[in-house]
Amino acid sequence: MGNTFCLFCGCVEQSSVGVVEQWGRFSRLAQPGFQFFNPLAGECLAGILSTRIASLDVKIETKTKDNVFVQLLCSIQYRVVKENADDAFYELQNPQEQIQAYVFDVTRAIVPKMNLDELFEQKGEVAKGVMEELGKVMGEYGYSIEHILMVDIIPDPSVRRAMNEINAAQRLLLASEFKGEADKVVIVKKAEAEAESKYLGGVGVARQRQAITDGLRENILEFSTKVEGTSAKEVMDLIMITQYFDTIKELGNSSKNTTVFIPHGPGHVRDISNQIRNGMMEASCAQVNDDVE
């Protein structure tokens, strides 16, 4: 609806306060509601002030301790103190310019003491310092500073590109370190698995040879006992020859081998028999040594 006035009366709306003068001097504050004026006594309404919170956006350009130029976007929320509305009406002609000047002065005194990283981390401290200083000054003129917000910090475009490149390089370095550690773990685990596989393979071969040796020993003893006039050497030769021909038979029956060249003759059979006999004797000696230890 707004404020309405005539010569003798007027209506001051809510969240506003009127300044009444008498013969050109401040007389009283007109509170919200219907008001009477006595023009015969020299009373008149000099003006209306709103007591609502107002907002002022200020852009400040300054530099940091490490010589980086930045722009700060600051939002100041202020209001007229109803009880001191006469000071706000008479003392300051342009309160927005006054507030802006003090914000410039305080900000340019605080920010040059900080590095760029510190400014981003402690922008609340900058807003707090501006609010304390601005609250003291503007309080004398009938204004209350409600809030100060550092909305944005904008470094120079070249500085922003450099910061992004540094961040990207750090992340790439960290990714390389993690990849190197992962590759190292894979290589170590693979080596451990191969070592364990070889160890278990060796144990299996040793047990297999031991079982063969034990089986041959039992066969020789049993054959020598049941067939009179045979020696252990003859039985061993017979077993070796039998295994030799079984091996040739298995090679011939294998579907994976099309052609196999094998030196064959009595001399070769004797050589194979001697080799197997020597291997059996070495295995027996190794078992005796293990039992002694």
C-alpha atoms as a PDB file:
ATOM      1  CA  MET A   1       0.000   0.000   0.000  1.00  0.00           C
ATOM      2  CA  GLY A   2       2.949   2.346   0.750  1.00  0.00           C
ATOM      3  CA  ASN A   3       3.224   5.413   2.901  1.00  0.00           C
ATOM      4  CA  THR A   4       0.417   7.992   2.462  1.00  0.00           C
ATOM      5  CA  PHE A   5       0.416  11.511   3.885  1.00  0.00           C
ATOM      6  CA  CYS A   6      -1.489  14.736   3.793  1.00  0.00           C
ATOM      7  CA  LEU A   7      -0.898  18.060   5.457  1.00  0.00           C
ATOM      8  CA  PHE A   8      -2.280  17.102   8.877  1.00  0.00           C
ATOM      9  CA  CYS A   9      -1.898  13.301   9.025  1.00  0.00           C
ATOM     10  CA  GLY A  10      -0.155  10.349   7.473  1.00  0.00           C
ATOM     11  CA  CYS A  11       0.292   6.591   7.637  1.00  0.00           C
ATOM     12  CA  VAL A  12       3.718   4.999   8.116  1.00  0.00           C
ATOM     13  CA  GLU A  13       3.778   1.390   6.901  1.00  0.00           C
ATOM     14  CA  GLN A  14       5.261  -1.569   8.751  1.00  0.00           C
ATOM     15  CA  SER A  15       9.073  -1.991   8.700  1.00  0.00           C
ATOM     16  CA  SER A  16       9.496   1.761   8.193  1.00  0.00           C
ATOM     17  CA  VAL A  17      10.092   4.742  10.412  1.00  0.00           C
ATOM     18  CA  GLY A  18       9.317   8.422   9.718  1.00  0.00           C
ATOM     19  CA  VAL A  19      11.493  11.387  10.604  1.00  0.00           C
ATOM     20  CA  VAL A  20       9.439  14.366  11.829  1.00  0.00           C
ATOM     21  CA  GLU A  21      10.909  17.891  11.900  1.00  0.00           C
ATOM     22  CA  GLN A  22       9.644  21.002  13.625  1.00  0.00           C
ATOM     23  CA  TRP A  23      10.677  24.295  12.100  1.00  0.00           C
ATOM     24  CA  GLY A  24      13.503  22.524  10.238  1.00  0.00           C
ATOM     25  CA  ARG A  25      14.923  20.716  13.283  1.00  0.00           C
ATOM     26  CA  PHE A  26      14.595  17.049  14.165  1.00  0.00           C
ATOM     27  CA  SER A  27      11.624  16.545  16.470  1.00  0.00           C
ATOM     28  CA  ARG A  28      10.739  12.871  16.745  1.00  0.00           C
ATOM     29  CA  LEU A  29      10.499   9.485  15.010  1.00  0.00           C
ATOM     30  CA  ALA A  30       7.125   8.458  13.616  1.00  0.00           C
ATOM     31  CA  GLN A  31       6.480   4.763  14.280  1.00  0.00           C
ATOM     32  CA  PRO A  32       4.480   2.534  11.899  1.00  0.00           C
ATOM     33  CA  GLY A  33       0.788   3.370  11.896  1.00  0.00           C
ATOM     34  CA  PHE A  34      -1.416   6.474  11.639  1.00  0.00           C
ATOM     35  CA  GLN A  35       0.332   9.749  12.581  1.00  0.00           C
ATOM     36  CA  PHE A  36      -0.899  13.317  13.163  1.00  0.00           C
ATOM     37  CA  PHE A  37       1.170  16.367  12.285  1.00  0.00           C
ATOM     38  CA  ASN A  38       0.590  19.945  13.394  1.00  0.00           C
ATOM     39  CA  PRO A  39       1.668  22.198  10.568  1.00  0.00           C
ATOM     40  CA  LEU A  40       0.610  25.236  12.621  1.00  0.00           C
ATOM     41  CA  ALA A  41       3.367  24.306  15.089  1.00  0.00           C
ATOM     42  CA  GLY A  42       5.856  23.807  12.242  1.00  0.00           C
ATOM     43  CA  GLU A  43       5.734  19.985  12.157  1.00  0.00           C
ATOM     44  CA  CYS A  44       6.290  18.141   8.908  1.00  0.00           C
ATOM     45  CA  LEU A  45       7.456  14.706   7.760  1.00  0.00           C
ATOM     46  CA  ALA A  46      11.037  15.080   6.537  1.00  0.00           C
ATOM     47  CA  GLY A  47      11.430  11.522   5.228  1.00  0.00           C
ATOM     48  CA  ILE A  48      10.879   7.794   5.565  1.00  0.00           C
ATOM     49  CA  LEU A  49      13.537   5.158   6.282  1.00  0.00           C
ATOM     50  CA  SER A  50      13.047   1.429   5.781  1.00  0.00           C
ATOM     51  CA  THR A  51      14.195  -0.819   8.629  1.00  0.00           C
ATOM     52  CA  ARG A  52      14.265  -3.942   6.450  1.00  0.00           C
ATOM     53  CA  ILE A  53      17.536  -5.751   5.783  1.00  0.00           C
ATOM     54  CA  ALA A  54      19.190  -4.435   2.630  1.00  0.00           C
ATOM     55  CA  SER A  55      21.892  -6.147   0.618  1.00  0.00           C
ATOM     56  CA  LEU A  56      24.900  -4.546  -1.060  1.00  0.00           C
ATOM     57  CA  ASP A  57      27.194  -6.513  -3.397  1.00  0.00           C
ATOM     58  CA  VAL A  58      30.784  -5.288  -3.567  1.00  0.00           C
ATOM     59  CA  LYS A  59      33.512  -6.446  -5.945  1.00  0.00           C
ATOM     60  CA  ILE A  60      37.026  -5.903  -4.607  1.00  0.00           C
ATOM     61  CA  GLU A  61      40.265  -6.397  -6.516  1.00  0.00           C
ATOM     62  CA  THR A  62      43.402  -6.930  -4.472  1.00  0.00           C
ATOM     63  CA  LYS A  63      46.476  -9.148  -4.327  1.00  0.00           C
ATOM     64  CA  THR A  64      47.650 -11.824  -1.951  1.00  0.00           C
ATOM     65  CA  LYS A  65      50.937 -12.266  -0.110  1.00  0.00           C
ATOM     66  CA  ASP A  66      52.318 -14.381  -2.976  1.00  0.00           C
ATOM     67  CA  ASN A  67      51.512 -11.586  -5.469  1.00  0.00           C
ATOM     68  CA  VAL A  68      48.425 -13.148  -7.032  1.00  0.00           C
ATOM     69  CA  PHE A  69      45.701 -10.714  -8.073  1.00  0.00           C
ATOM     70  CA  VAL A  70      42.216 -11.821  -7.093  1.00  0.00           C
ATOM     71  CA  GLN A  71      38.693 -10.481  -7.190  1.00  0.00           C
ATOM     72  CA  LEU A  72      36.495 -10.913  -4.133  1.00  0.00           C
ATOM     73  CA  LEU A  73      32.727 -10.828  -4.409  1.00  0.00           C
ATOM     74  CA  CYS A  74      31.353  -9.698  -1.069  1.00  0.00           C
ATOM     75  CA  SER A  75      27.706  -9.452  -0.041  1.00  0.00           C
ATOM     76  CA  ILE A  76      26.928  -7.079   2.880  1.00  0.00           C
ATOM     77  CA  GLN A  77      23.551  -7.288   4.596  1.00  0.00           C
ATOM     78  CA  TYR A  78      22.704  -4.246   6.718  1.00  0.00           C
ATOM     79  CA  ARG A  79      19.725  -2.426   8.152  1.00  0.00           C
ATOM     80  CA  VAL A  80      18.766   0.837   9.822  1.00  0.00           C
ATOM     81  CA  VAL A  81      18.561   0.655  13.632  1.00  0.00           C
ATOM     82  CA  LYS A  82      15.072   1.877  14.425  1.00  0.00           C
ATOM     83  CA  GLU A  83      16.102   3.672  17.632  1.00  0.00           C
ATOM     84  CA  ASN A  84      18.912   5.539  15.809  1.00  0.00           C
ATOM     85  CA  ALA A  85      17.047   6.249  12.586  1.00  0.00           C
ATOM     86  CA  ASP A  86      17.656   9.988  12.972  1.00  0.00           C
ATOM     87  CA  ASP A  87      21.442   9.411  12.817  1.00  0.00           C
ATOM     88  CA  ALA A  88      21.036   7.273   9.710  1.00  0.00           C
ATOM     89  CA  PHE A  89      18.861   9.985   8.134  1.00  0.00           C
ATOM     90  CA  TYR A  90      21.029  13.003   8.902  1.00  0.00           C
ATOM     91  CA  GLU A  91      24.621  11.733   9.172  1.00  0.00           C
ATOM     92  CA  LEU A  92      25.149   9.876   5.895  1.00  0.00           C
ATOM     93  CA  GLN A  93      24.069  11.127   2.512  1.00  0.00           C
ATOM     94  CA  ASN A  94      25.016   7.902   0.663  1.00  0.00           C
ATOM     95  CA  PRO A  95      25.426   4.959   3.079  1.00  0.00           C
ATOM     96  CA  GLN A  96      26.125   2.447   0.262  1.00  0.00           C
ATOM     97  CA  GLU A  97      29.234   4.319  -0.850  1.00  0.00           C
ATOM     98  CA  GLN A  98      30.401   4.618   2.748  1.00  0.00           C
ATOM     99  CA  ILE A  99      29.990   0.890   3.351  1.00  0.00           C
ATOM    100  CA  GLN A 100      31.753   0.066   0.095  1.00  0.00           C
ATOM    101  CA  ALA A 101      34.699   2.317   0.965  1.00  0.00           C
ATOM    102  CA  TYR A 102      35.205   0.655   4.354  1.00  0.00           C
ATOM    103  CA  VAL A 103      34.930  -2.829   2.811  1.00  0.00           C
ATOM    104  CA  PHE A 104      37.658  -1.893   0.304  1.00  0.00           C
ATOM    105  CA  ASP A 105      39.892  -0.527   3.039  1.00  0.00           C
ATOM    106  CA  VAL A 106      39.594  -3.459   5.453  1.00  0.00           C
ATOM    107  CA  THR A 107      39.795  -6.175   2.781  1.00  0.00           C
ATOM    108  CA  ARG A 108      42.895  -4.687   1.195  1.00  0.00           C
ATOM    109  CA  ALA A 109      44.497  -4.601   4.636  1.00  0.00           C
ATOM    110  CA  ILE A 110      43.765  -8.276   5.459  1.00  0.00           C
ATOM    111  CA  VAL A 111      44.130 -10.171   2.161  1.00  0.00           C
ATOM    112  CA  PRO A 112      47.757  -9.088   1.384  1.00  0.00           C
ATOM    113  CA  LYS A 113      48.808 -10.902   4.578  1.00  0.00           C
ATOM    114  CA  MET A 114      47.581 -14.260   3.228  1.00  0.00           C
ATOM    115  CA  ASN A 115      48.725 -16.624   0.504  1.00  0.00           C
ATOM    116  CA  LEU A 116      46.205 -17.647  -2.138  1.00  0.00           C
ATOM    117  CA  ASP A 117      45.626 -21.051  -0.553  1.00  0.00           C
ATOM    118  CA  GLU A 118      45.177 -19.460   2.870  1.00  0.00           C
ATOM    119  CA  LEU A 119      42.665 -17.020   1.400  1.00  0.00           C
ATOM    120  CA  PHE A 120      40.516 -19.864   0.089  1.00  0.00           C
ATOM    121  CA  GLU A 121      40.770 -21.708   3.397  1.00  0.00           C
ATOM    122  CA  GLN A 122      40.190 -18.667   5.645  1.00  0.00           C
ATOM    123  CA  LYS A 123      37.745 -16.549   3.681  1.00  0.00           C
ATOM    124  CA  GLY A 124      35.449 -16.679   6.712  1.00  0.00           C
ATOM    125  CA  GLU A 125      38.164 -14.937   8.744  1.00  0.00           C
ATOM    126  CA  VAL A 126      38.300 -12.175   6.138  1.00  0.00           C
ATOM    127  CA  ALA A 127      34.521 -11.729   6.336  1.00  0.00           C
ATOM    128  CA  LYS A 128      34.704 -11.695  10.135  1.00  0.00           C
ATOM    129  CA  GLY A 129      37.405  -8.994  10.149  1.00  0.00           C
ATOM    130  CA  VAL A 130      35.430  -6.831   7.711  1.00  0.00           C
ATOM    131  CA  MET A 131      32.265  -7.238   9.751  1.00  0.00           C
ATOM    132  CA  GLU A 132      33.946  -6.231  13.018  1.00  0.00           C
ATOM    133  CA  GLU A 133      35.503  -3.099  11.572  1.00  0.00           C
ATOM    134  CA  LEU A 134      32.469  -2.133   9.532  1.00  0.00           C
ATOM    135  CA  GLY A 135      30.111  -2.757  12.477  1.00  0.00           C
ATOM    136  CA  LYS A 136      32.048  -0.327  14.676  1.00  0.00           C
ATOM    137  CA  VAL A 137      32.030   2.454  12.104  1.00  0.00           C
ATOM    138  CA  MET A 138      28.498   2.105  10.755  1.00  0.00           C
ATOM    139  CA  GLY A 139      27.062   1.668  14.248  1.00  0.00           C
ATOM    140  CA  GLU A 140      27.902   5.312  14.934  1.00  0.00           C
ATOM    141  CA  TYR A 141      25.715   6.320  11.984  1.00  0.00           C
ATOM    142  CA  GLY A 142      22.659   4.306  12.955  1.00  0.00           C
ATOM    143  CA  TYR A 143      23.321   1.243  10.788  1.00  0.00           C
ATOM    144  CA  SER A 144      23.664  -2.377  11.886  1.00  0.00           C
ATOM    145  CA  ILE A 145      25.749  -4.825   9.858  1.00  0.00           C
ATOM    146  CA  GLU A 146      23.872  -8.134   9.988  1.00  0.00           C
ATOM    147  CA  HIS A 147      25.967 -10.448   7.823  1.00  0.00           C
ATOM    148  CA  ILE A 148      28.955 -10.347   5.487  1.00  0.00           C
ATOM    149  CA  LEU A 149      29.432 -13.180   3.034  1.00  0.00           C
ATOM    150  CA  MET A 150      32.470 -13.807   0.839  1.00  0.00           C
ATOM    151  CA  VAL A 151      30.485 -15.136  -2.095  1.00  0.00           C
ATOM    152  CA  ASP A 152      33.357 -15.890  -4.456  1.00  0.00           C
ATOM    153  CA  ILE A 153      37.131 -15.629  -4.870  1.00  0.00           C
ATOM    154  CA  ILE A 154      38.233 -15.293  -8.488  1.00  0.00           C
ATOM    155  CA  PRO A 155      41.985 -15.453  -9.200  1.00  0.00           C
ATOM    156  CA  ASP A 156      43.523 -14.259 -12.435  1.00  0.00           C
ATOM    157  CA  PRO A 157      42.693 -16.658 -15.348  1.00  0.00           C
ATOM    158  CA  SER A 158      46.362 -17.578 -15.844  1.00  0.00           C
ATOM    159  CA  VAL A 159      46.649 -18.446 -12.150  1.00  0.00           C
ATOM    160  CA  ARG A 160      43.557 -20.623 -12.340  1.00  0.00           C
ATOM    161  CA  ARG A 161      44.974 -22.527 -15.310  1.00  0.00           C
ATOM    162  CA  ALA A 162      48.249 -23.044 -13.446  1.00  0.00           C
ATOM    163  CA  MET A 163      46.388 -24.286 -10.352  1.00  0.00           C
ATOM    164  CA  ASN A 164      44.406 -26.762 -12.464  1.00  0.00           C
ATOM    165  CA  GLU A 165      47.594 -28.026 -14.113  1.00  0.00           C
ATOM    166  CA  ILE A 166      49.290 -28.473 -10.732  1.00  0.00           C
ATOM    167  CA  ASN A 167      46.278 -30.364  -9.414  1.00  0.00           C
ATOM    168  CA  ALA A 168      46.178 -32.574 -12.516  1.00  0.00           C
ATOM    169  CA  ALA A 169      49.928 -33.298 -12.263  1.00  0.00           C
ATOM    170  CA  GLN A 170      49.607 -34.245  -8.583  1.00  0.00           C
ATOM    171  CA  ARG A 171      46.744 -36.613  -9.341  1.00  0.00           C
ATOM    172  CA  LEU A 172      48.682 -38.220 -12.193  1.00  0.00           C
ATOM    173  CA  LEU A 173      51.679 -38.681  -9.907  1.00  0.00           C
ATOM    174  CA  LEU A 174      49.489 -40.271  -7.242  1.00  0.00           C
ATOM    175  CA  ALA A 175      47.887 -42.555  -9.829  1.00  0.00           C
ATOM    176  CA  SER A 176      51.341 -43.613 -11.081  1.00  0.00           C
ATOM    177  CA  GLU A 177      52.441 -44.420  -7.534  1.00  0.00           C
ATOM    178  CA  PHE A 178      49.355 -46.559  -6.926  1.00  0.00           C
ATOM    179  CA  LYS A 179      49.821 -48.325 -10.277  1.00  0.00           C
ATOM    180  CA  GLY A 180      53.483 -49.015  -9.467  1.00  0.00           C
ATOM    181  CA  GLU A 181      52.559 -50.460  -6.085  1.00  0.00           C
ATOM    182  CA  ALA A 182      49.890 -52.633  -7.695  1.00  0.00           C
ATOM    183  CA  ASP A 183      52.335 -53.925 -10.334  1.00  0.00           C
ATOM    184  CA  LYS A 184      54.868 -54.629  -7.594  1.00  0.00           C
ATOM    185  CA  VAL A 185      52.344 -56.662  -5.612  1.00  0.00           C
ATOM    186  CA  VAL A 186      51.394 -58.630  -8.738  1.00  0.00           C
ATOM    187  CA  ILE A 187      55.044 -59.415  -9.558  1.00  0.00           C
ATOM    188  CA  VAL A 188      55.831 -60.428  -5.972  1.00  0.00           C
ATOM    189  CA  LYS A 189      52.760 -62.641  -5.697  1.00  0.00           C
ATOM    190  CA  LYS A 190      53.530 -64.223  -9.065  1.00  0.00           C
ATOM    191  CA  ALA A 191      57.113 -64.954  -7.994  1.00  0.00           C
ATOM    192  CA  GLU A 192      55.894 -66.419  -4.700  1.00  0.00           C
ATOM    193  CA  ALA A 193      53.385 -68.592  -6.553  1.00  0.00           C
ATOM    194  CA  GLU A 194      56.057 -69.839  -8.980  1.00  0.00           C
ATOM    195  CA  ALA A 195      58.438 -70.615  -6.107  1.00  0.00           C
ATOM    196  CA  GLU A 196      55.712 -72.464  -4.229  1.00  0.00           C
ATOM    197  CA  SER A 197      54.745 -74.347  -7.416  1.00  0.00           C
ATOM    198  CA  LYS A 198      58.331 -75.412  -8.072  1.00  0.00           C
ATOM    199  CA  TYR A 199      58.759 -76.474  -4.465  1.00  0.00           C
ATOM    200  CA  LEU A 200      55.595 -78.553  -4.520  1.00  0.00           C
ATOM    201  CA  GLY A 201      56.579 -79.977  -7.908  1.00  0.00           C
ATOM    202  CA  GLY A 202      59.956 -81.011  -6.504  1.00  0.00           C
ATOM    203  CA  VAL A 203      58.307 -82.616  -3.505  1.00  0.00           C
ATOM    204  CA  GLY A 204      55.945 -84.499  -5.827  1.00  0.00           C
ATOM    205  CA  VAL A 205      58.792 -85.755  -8.029  1.00  0.00           C
ATOM    206  CA  ALA A 206      60.782 -86.855  -4.998  1.00  0.00           C
ATOM    207  CA  ARG A 207      57.796 -88.746  -3.593  1.00  0.00           C
ATOM    208  CA  GLN A 208      57.117 -90.296  -6.995  1.00  0.00           C
ATOM    209  CA  ARG A 209      60.702 -91.553  -7.292  1.00  0.00           C
ATOM    210  CA  GLN A 210      60.590 -92.840  -3.727  1.00  0.00           C
ATOM    211  CA  ALA A 211      57.366 -94.731  -4.467  1.00  0.00           C
ATOM    212  CA  ILE A 212      58.870 -96.234  -7.638  1.00  0.00           C
ATOM    213  CA  THR A 213      61.961 -97.275  -5.727  1.00  0.00           C
ATOM    214  CA  ASP A 214      59.888 -98.895  -2.965  1.00  0.00           C
ATOM    215  CA  GLY A 215      57.718-100.686  -5.534  1.00  0.00           C
ATOM    216  CA  LEU A 216      60.725-102.046  -7.437  1.00  0.00           C
ATOM    217  CA  ARG A 217      62.321-103.237  -4.213  1.00  0.00           C
ATOM    218  CA  GLU A 218      59.172-105.129  -3.205  1.00  0.00           C
ATOM    219  CA  ASN A 219      58.820-106.683  -6.663  1.00  0.00           C
ATOM    220  CA  ILE A 220      62.430-107.837  -6.694  1.00  0.00           C
ATOM    221  CA  LEU A 221      62.189-109.368  -3.231  1.00  0.00           C
ATOM    222  CA  GLU A 222      58.893-111.082  -4.029  1.00  0.00           C
ATOM    223  CA  PHE A 223      60.130-112.460  -7.380  1.00  0.00           C
ATOM    224  CA  SER A 224      63.416-113.689  -5.902  1.00  0.00           C
ATOM    225  CA  THR A 225      61.545-115.478  -3.127  1.00  0.00           C
ATOM    226  CA  LYS A 226      59.000-117.202  -5.342  1.00  0.00           C
ATOM    227  CA  VAL A 227      61.320-118.132  -8.262  1.00  0.00           C
ATOM    228  CA  GLU A 228      64.308-120.135  -7.108  1.00  0.00           C
ATOM    229  CA  GLY A 229      67.683-119.688  -8.746  1.00  0.00           C
ATOM    230  CA  THR A 230      67.114-116.051  -9.744  1.00  0.00           C
ATOM    231  CA  SER A 231      69.216-113.204  -8.456  1.00  0.00           C
ATOM    232  CA  ALA A 232      68.126-109.685  -7.689  1.00  0.00           C
ATOM    233  CA  LYS A 233      70.122-108.370 -10.657  1.00  0.00           C
ATOM    234  CA  GLU A 234      68.318-110.648 -13.089  1.00  0.00           C
ATOM    235  CA  VAL A 235      64.928-109.641 -11.716  1.00  0.00           C
ATOM    236  CA  MET A 236      65.896-105.977 -11.975  1.00  0.00           C
ATOM    237  CA  ASP A 237      66.976-106.383 -15.586  1.00  0.00           C
ATOM    238  CA  LEU A 238      63.714-108.096 -16.418  1.00  0.00           C
ATOM    239  CA  ILE A 239      61.657-105.329 -14.796  1.00  0.00           C
ATOM    240  CA  MET A 240      63.627-102.623 -16.573  1.00  0.00           C
ATOM    241  CA  ILE A 241      63.189-104.283 -19.965  1.00  0.00           C
ATOM    242  CA  THR A 242      59.450-104.696 -19.336  1.00  0.00           C
ATOM    243  CA  GLN A 243      59.090-101.002 -18.423  1.00  0.00           C
ATOM    244  CA  TYR A 244      61.126-100.038 -21.479  1.00  0.00           C
ATOM    245  CA  PHE A 245      58.788-101.852 -23.840  1.00  0.00           C
ATOM    246  CA  ASP A 246      55.728-100.489 -22.000  1.00  0.00           C
ATOM    247  CA  THR A 247      57.069 -96.993 -22.545  1.00  0.00           C
ATOM    248  CA  ILE A 248      57.532 -97.612 -26.274  1.00  0.00           C
ATOM    249  CA  LYS A 249      53.995 -98.959 -26.430  1.00  0.00           C
ATOM    250  CA  GLU A 250      52.578 -95.856 -24.713  1.00  0.00           C
ATOM    251  CA  LEU A 251      54.421 -93.578 -27.125  1.00  0.00           C
ATOM    252  CA  GLY A 252      53.017 -95.503 -30.064  1.00  0.00           C
ATOM    253  CA  ASN A 253      49.451 -95.339 -28.742  1.00  0.00           C
ATOM    254  CA  SER A 254      49.583 -91.613 -28.038  1.00  0.00           C
ATOM    255  CA  SER A 255      47.457 -89.613 -30.530  1.00  0.00           C
ATOM    256  CA  LYS A 256      49.615 -86.520 -30.101  1.00  0.00           C
ATOM    257  CA  ASN A 257      52.726 -88.098 -31.603  1.00  0.00           C
ATOM    258  CA  THR A 258      52.742 -89.015 -35.268  1.00  0.00           C
ATOM    259  CA  THR A 259      56.414 -89.996 -35.662  1.00  0.00           C
ATOM    260  CA  VAL A 260      58.867 -90.854 -32.890  1.00  0.00           C
ATOM    261  CA  PHE A 261      62.540 -91.812 -33.514  1.00  0.00           C
ATOM    262  CA  ILE A 262      63.919 -94.017 -30.731  1.00  0.00           C
ATOM    263  CA  PRO A 263      67.387 -95.619 -30.787  1.00  0.00           C
ATOM    264  CA  HIS A 264      66.657 -99.267 -30.182  1.00  0.00           C
ATOM    265  CA  GLY A 265      68.872-102.267 -29.681  1.00  0.00           C
ATOM    266  CA  PRO A 266      70.269-104.615 -27.000  1.00  0.00           C
ATOM    267  CA  GLY A 267      72.936-102.107 -26.089  1.00  0.00           C
ATOM    268  CA  HIS A 268      70.391 -99.383 -25.521  1.00  0.00           C
ATOM    269  CA  VAL A 269      68.310-101.655 -23.339  1.00  0.00           C
ATOM    270  CA  ARG A 270      71.383-102.428 -21.250  1.00  0.00           C
ATOM    271  CA  ASP A 271      72.226 -98.718 -20.920  1.00  0.00           C
ATOM    272  CA  ILE A 272      68.694 -97.878 -19.826  1.00  0.00           C
ATOM    273  CA  SER A 273      68.794-100.725 -17.308  1.00  0.00           C
ATOM    274  CA  ASN A 274      72.059 -99.448 -15.864  1.00  0.00           C
ATOM    275  CA  GLN A 275      70.710 -95.898 -15.627  1.00  0.00           C
ATOM    276  CA  ILE A 276      67.565 -96.947 -13.808  1.00  0.00           C
ATOM    277  CA  ARG A 277      69.556 -99.213 -11.473  1.00  0.00           C
ATOM    278  CA  ASN A 278      71.927 -96.353 -10.611  1.00  0.00           C
ATOM    279  CA  GLY A 279      68.988 -94.038  -9.973  1.00  0.00           C
ATOM    280  CA  MET A 280      67.422 -96.602  -7.666  1.00  0.00           C
ATOM    281  CA  MET A 281      70.668 -96.987  -5.711  1.00  0.00           C
ATOM    282  CA  GLU A 282      71.034 -93.208  -5.367  1.00  0.00           C
ATOM    283  CA  ALA A 283      67.473 -92.916  -4.096  1.00  0.00           C
ATOM    284  CA  SER A 284      68.125 -95.660  -1.530  1.00  0.00           C
ATOM    285  CA  CYS A 285      71.286 -93.897  -0.328  1.00  0.00           C
ATOM    286  CA  ALA A 286      69.403 -90.626   0.012  1.00  0.00           C
ATOM    287  CA  GLN A 287      66.711 -92.293   2.098  1.00  0.00           C
ATOM    288  CA  VAL A 288      69.335 -93.868   4.396  1.00  0.00           C
ATOM    289  CA  ASN A 289      70.985 -90.453   4.910  1.00  0.00           C
ATOM    290  CA  ASP A 290      67.615 -88.883   5.765  1.00  0.00           C
ATOM    291  CA  ASP A 291      66.959 -91.633   8.345  1.00  0.00           C
ATOM    292  CA  VAL A 292      70.397 -91.070   9.908  1.00  0.00           C
ATOM    293  CA  GLU A 293      69.812 -87.307  10.196  1.00  0.00           C
END
